[in-house]
Every structure is written in structure tokens, then in C-alpha cells.
Amino acid sequence: MAKPAASPDVTITGTVIDTYCNTTQGASGAAHKACATACAGKGVSLAILGSDGTIYLPSAPRPQTARTSGCCRSPRQGQVTGVHRENHGLHTIEIRTIEAAT
């Protein structure tokens, strides 16, 4: 099986979402913040909804560091920079920096 190609660092502007409510109900944004925070507290995966509509799952260079990367603590808007990978339609970003959206 071929290893997915990694891009050079890219910067994505978007909003942190919880994957359940977003994919089942289209919920996101400030009106959904309290629910998304509650879902995250229950273990629902968080992801980044890019301004172009692409959903990126945060990843880490090694599986054991994925939970401690600190990339998505609560729903908010911002910019992340890191290595983008895409495999069979699944987009991931290995986050290197996080900043407020400009």
C-alpha cells in the first residue's frame, strides 16, 4: 500500500467543529459552540472545517502524540499551519502552529 503524499506546510483558515453534529446536522459556528464543547467533553472527535468546506482531522507525527497535540480544545475560529495529507478523500493536517483568524 502506497504511503499518502504529504504536502509542504499549508495554512488553513477555518472553524473547529465536532464531527458528529456537523456531519449529521450541518451544525457549526457560534450558535453551536456550547453543544460542540459538550460533545468534545464526551469524546466526540473535533476537526477543522476549512473556509473552502473541506473537513480536516488533526493528526500527529506519531500515533502516541495525537491526543496530546493540543490542536482542538474547544470550537473556535482560527488558522492552522502544518502538513496536509489526503488519502481516499480523508484530509488530515499535522498541525505545527495555531493562530487567531485574520
Protein backbone atom coordinates (compact mmCIF):
# COMPACT_ATOMS: atom_id res chain seq x y z
CA MET A 1 0.00 0.00 0.00
CA ALA A 2 1.40 3.38 -1.00
CA LYS A 3 2.03 5.99 1.68
CA PRO A 4 -0.13 9.13 1.21
CA ALA A 5 1.87 12.04 -0.12
CA ALA A 6 2.49 14.91 2.27
CA SER A 7 2.31 18.47 1.05
CA PRO A 8 4.66 21.21 2.14
CA ASP A 9 3.25 23.25 5.02
CA VAL A 10 -0.11 24.79 4.21
CA THR A 11 -2.22 27.32 6.14
CA ILE A 12 -5.92 26.62 6.58
CA THR A 13 -8.45 29.16 7.85
CA GLY A 14 -11.49 27.59 9.41
CA THR A 15 -13.57 26.73 12.43
CA VAL A 16 -13.18 23.89 14.89
CA ILE A 17 -16.23 21.60 14.69
CA ASP A 18 -17.42 18.45 16.37
CA THR A 19 -17.62 15.76 13.73
CA TYR A 20 -20.92 14.24 14.87
CA CYS A 21 -23.16 17.33 14.83
CA ASN A 22 -21.50 18.75 11.74
CA THR A 23 -21.76 15.62 9.61
CA THR A 24 -25.26 14.62 10.78
CA GLN A 25 -26.90 18.05 11.15
CA GLY A 26 -24.59 20.55 9.44
CA ALA A 27 -24.14 22.34 12.79
CA SER A 28 -21.19 24.71 13.26
CA GLY A 29 -20.34 28.27 14.25
CA ALA A 30 -21.01 30.41 17.31
CA ALA A 31 -24.61 29.20 17.74
CA HIS A 32 -23.35 25.63 18.09
CA LYS A 33 -20.38 26.35 20.37
CA ALA A 34 -21.92 25.14 23.66
CA CYS A 35 -23.16 21.88 22.13
CA ALA A 36 -19.85 21.25 20.36
CA THR A 37 -17.94 21.87 23.59
CA ALA A 38 -20.22 19.39 25.39
CA CYS A 39 -19.74 16.82 22.60
CA ALA A 40 -15.97 17.25 22.78
CA GLY A 41 -16.15 16.66 26.53
CA LYS A 42 -17.91 13.36 25.83
CA GLY A 43 -15.19 12.24 23.44
CA VAL A 44 -16.65 13.25 20.08
CA SER A 45 -13.84 13.93 17.62
CA LEU A 46 -13.10 17.53 16.75
CA ALA A 47 -11.94 18.62 13.31
CA ILE A 48 -11.31 21.78 11.34
CA LEU A 49 -13.92 22.95 8.84
CA GLY A 50 -11.87 24.87 6.29
CA SER A 51 -13.26 28.02 4.68
CA ASP A 52 -13.48 26.02 1.43
CA GLY A 53 -15.76 23.40 3.07
CA THR A 54 -13.10 20.70 3.45
CA ILE A 55 -13.00 18.91 6.81
CA TYR A 56 -9.50 18.23 8.18
CA LEU A 57 -8.84 15.80 11.01
CA PRO A 58 -5.87 16.84 13.14
CA SER A 59 -3.06 14.32 13.19
CA ALA A 60 0.34 13.93 14.80
CA PRO A 61 3.70 12.74 13.50
CA ARG A 62 3.33 9.56 15.59
CA PRO A 63 0.11 7.96 16.89
CA GLN A 64 1.14 8.24 20.56
CA THR A 65 1.32 12.06 20.28
CA ALA A 66 -2.07 12.54 18.61
CA ARG A 67 -4.04 13.06 21.82
CA THR A 68 -1.55 15.47 23.34
CA SER A 69 -1.09 17.76 20.36
CA GLY A 70 -3.50 20.34 21.85
CA CYS A 71 -4.85 21.35 18.48
CA CYS A 72 -8.56 21.43 19.16
CA ARG A 73 -9.57 22.08 22.74
CA SER A 74 -12.88 23.85 22.00
CA PRO A 75 -14.80 25.18 18.99
CA ARG A 76 -13.29 28.42 17.74
CA GLN A 77 -12.16 30.08 14.53
CA GLY A 78 -8.54 30.44 13.55
CA GLN A 79 -5.71 29.49 11.25
CA VAL A 80 -3.57 26.38 11.45
CA THR A 81 -0.37 25.69 9.56
CA GLY A 82 1.05 22.24 9.05
CA VAL A 83 1.47 19.26 6.75
CA HIS A 84 -1.66 18.36 4.77
CA ARG A 85 -2.26 14.77 3.69
CA GLU A 86 -5.16 13.36 1.69
CA ASN A 87 -5.94 9.67 1.27
CA HIS A 88 -9.15 8.31 -0.27
CA GLY A 89 -10.92 11.63 0.36
CA LEU A 90 -9.86 11.90 4.02
CA HIS A 91 -7.95 15.11 4.73
CA THR A 92 -5.63 15.40 7.72
CA ILE A 93 -3.39 18.17 8.96
CA GLU A 94 -0.35 17.65 11.15
CA ILE A 95 -0.57 20.96 12.98
CA ARG A 96 2.61 22.92 13.57
CA THR A 97 1.16 26.35 14.54
CA ILE A 98 -2.21 27.77 15.58
CA GLU A 99 -3.18 31.45 15.32
CA ALA A 100 -6.30 33.59 15.56
CA ALA A 101 -8.03 34.12 12.22
CA THR A 102 -7.18 37.37 10.46
